[in-house]
Amino acid sequence: MPKKKRGPPSKFTQETRRKVIEAITLGCTYGIAASYAGIAESTLFKWLASGRDEDDKTYIAFYRSVK
C-alpha cells in the first residue's frame, strides 16, 4: 500500500507558477510576485533554490522561467 502524503496540498501549482512568472515578467519584485500568486516570499525563494539545486524538472523549469 503506497504511503499517503501528509500535510496541506502543495501550492506549487501550474496556476501559482503562472502568476509568479507573469508578475516578474511585468517587472514586479519577488515579494510582489509572491503576494500576487498567494504565497509567501520565503516560499518563492525555496522554490527557486529547489530549481537551482535539485534534479526535479518542474522546479528547474520554473527557476529558468523566472531567472
C-alpha atoms as a PDB file:
ATOM      1  CA  MET A   1       0.000   0.000   0.000  1.00  0.00           C
ATOM      2  CA  PRO A   2       1.537   3.366  -1.011  1.00  0.00           C
ATOM      3  CA  LYS A   3       2.219   5.954   1.655  1.00  0.00           C
ATOM      4  CA  LYS A   4      -0.148   8.877   1.746  1.00  0.00           C
ATOM      5  CA  LYS A   5       1.397  12.319   1.589  1.00  0.00           C
ATOM      6  CA  ARG A   6       0.855  14.238   4.800  1.00  0.00           C
ATOM      7  CA  GLY A   7       0.300  17.924   5.302  1.00  0.00           C
ATOM      8  CA  PRO A   8      -1.516  20.515   3.270  1.00  0.00           C
ATOM      9  CA  PRO A   9      -1.582  20.315  -0.526  1.00  0.00           C
ATOM     10  CA  SER A  10       1.334  21.943  -2.309  1.00  0.00           C
ATOM     11  CA  LYS A  11       0.899  25.483  -3.548  1.00  0.00           C
ATOM     12  CA  PHE A  12       3.361  24.695  -6.354  1.00  0.00           C
ATOM     13  CA  THR A  13       0.528  24.509  -8.865  1.00  0.00           C
ATOM     14  CA  GLN A  14       0.566  25.463 -12.512  1.00  0.00           C
ATOM     15  CA  GLU A  15      -1.652  28.485 -11.779  1.00  0.00           C
ATOM     16  CA  THR A  16       0.590  29.752  -8.969  1.00  0.00           C
ATOM     17  CA  ARG A  17       3.702  29.339 -11.105  1.00  0.00           C
ATOM     18  CA  ARG A  18       1.993  31.170 -13.977  1.00  0.00           C
ATOM     19  CA  LYS A  19       1.122  34.115 -11.734  1.00  0.00           C
ATOM     20  CA  VAL A  20       4.665  34.397 -10.372  1.00  0.00           C
ATOM     21  CA  ILE A  21       6.181  34.302 -13.854  1.00  0.00           C
ATOM     22  CA  GLU A  22       3.619  36.805 -15.159  1.00  0.00           C
ATOM     23  CA  ALA A  23       4.328  39.291 -12.355  1.00  0.00           C
ATOM     24  CA  ILE A  24       8.107  39.008 -12.668  1.00  0.00           C
ATOM     25  CA  THR A  25       7.886  39.412 -16.447  1.00  0.00           C
ATOM     26  CA  LEU A  26       5.995  42.654 -15.858  1.00  0.00           C
ATOM     27  CA  GLY A  27       8.841  43.890 -13.657  1.00  0.00           C
ATOM     28  CA  CYS A  28       7.449  43.197 -10.196  1.00  0.00           C
ATOM     29  CA  THR A  29       9.737  42.366  -7.301  1.00  0.00           C
ATOM     30  CA  TYR A  30       9.807  38.834  -5.928  1.00  0.00           C
ATOM     31  CA  GLY A  31       7.798  39.993  -2.929  1.00  0.00           C
ATOM     32  CA  ILE A  32       5.038  41.492  -5.055  1.00  0.00           C
ATOM     33  CA  ALA A  33       5.041  38.490  -7.407  1.00  0.00           C
ATOM     34  CA  ALA A  34       4.705  36.111  -4.469  1.00  0.00           C
ATOM     35  CA  SER A  35       1.885  38.149  -2.964  1.00  0.00           C
ATOM     36  CA  TYR A  36       0.051  38.254  -6.304  1.00  0.00           C
ATOM     37  CA  ALA A  37       0.349  34.470  -6.547  1.00  0.00           C
ATOM     38  CA  GLY A  38      -0.898  33.976  -2.986  1.00  0.00           C
ATOM     39  CA  ILE A  39       2.311  32.633  -1.480  1.00  0.00           C
ATOM     40  CA  ALA A  40       4.916  33.922   0.947  1.00  0.00           C
ATOM     41  CA  GLU A  41       8.090  35.421  -0.463  1.00  0.00           C
ATOM     42  CA  SER A  42      10.051  32.801   1.515  1.00  0.00           C
ATOM     43  CA  THR A  43       8.120  30.069  -0.330  1.00  0.00           C
ATOM     44  CA  LEU A  44       9.088  31.591  -3.672  1.00  0.00           C
ATOM     45  CA  PHE A  45      12.746  31.644  -2.609  1.00  0.00           C
ATOM     46  CA  LYS A  46      12.529  27.972  -1.543  1.00  0.00           C
ATOM     47  CA  TRP A  47      11.106  27.058  -4.950  1.00  0.00           C
ATOM     48  CA  LEU A  48      13.863  28.974  -6.733  1.00  0.00           C
ATOM     49  CA  ALA A  49      16.513  27.286  -4.591  1.00  0.00           C
ATOM     50  CA  SER A  50      14.986  23.902  -5.426  1.00  0.00           C
ATOM     51  CA  GLY A  51      15.200  24.714  -9.121  1.00  0.00           C
ATOM     52  CA  ARG A  52      18.810  25.792  -8.785  1.00  0.00           C
ATOM     53  CA  ASP A  53      19.985  22.926  -6.568  1.00  0.00           C
ATOM     54  CA  GLU A  54      17.831  19.856  -7.285  1.00  0.00           C
ATOM     55  CA  ASP A  55      17.064  17.436 -10.060  1.00  0.00           C
ATOM     56  CA  ASP A  56      13.276  17.958 -10.082  1.00  0.00           C
ATOM     57  CA  LYS A  57      12.477  19.005 -13.644  1.00  0.00           C
ATOM     58  CA  THR A  58       9.420  21.016 -12.631  1.00  0.00           C
ATOM     59  CA  TYR A  59      11.373  23.208 -10.213  1.00  0.00           C
ATOM     60  CA  ILE A  60      14.231  23.562 -12.703  1.00  0.00           C
ATOM     61  CA  ALA A  61      11.838  24.717 -15.440  1.00  0.00           C
ATOM     62  CA  PHE A  62      10.243  27.197 -13.044  1.00  0.00           C
ATOM     63  CA  TYR A  63      13.647  28.531 -11.984  1.00  0.00           C
ATOM     64  CA  ARG A  64      14.672  29.041 -15.605  1.00  0.00           C
ATOM     65  CA  SER A  65      11.398  30.796 -16.391  1.00  0.00           C
ATOM     66  CA  VAL A  66      11.915  33.252 -13.543  1.00  0.00           C
ATOM     67  CA  LYS A  67      15.646  33.923 -13.982  1.00  0.00           C
END
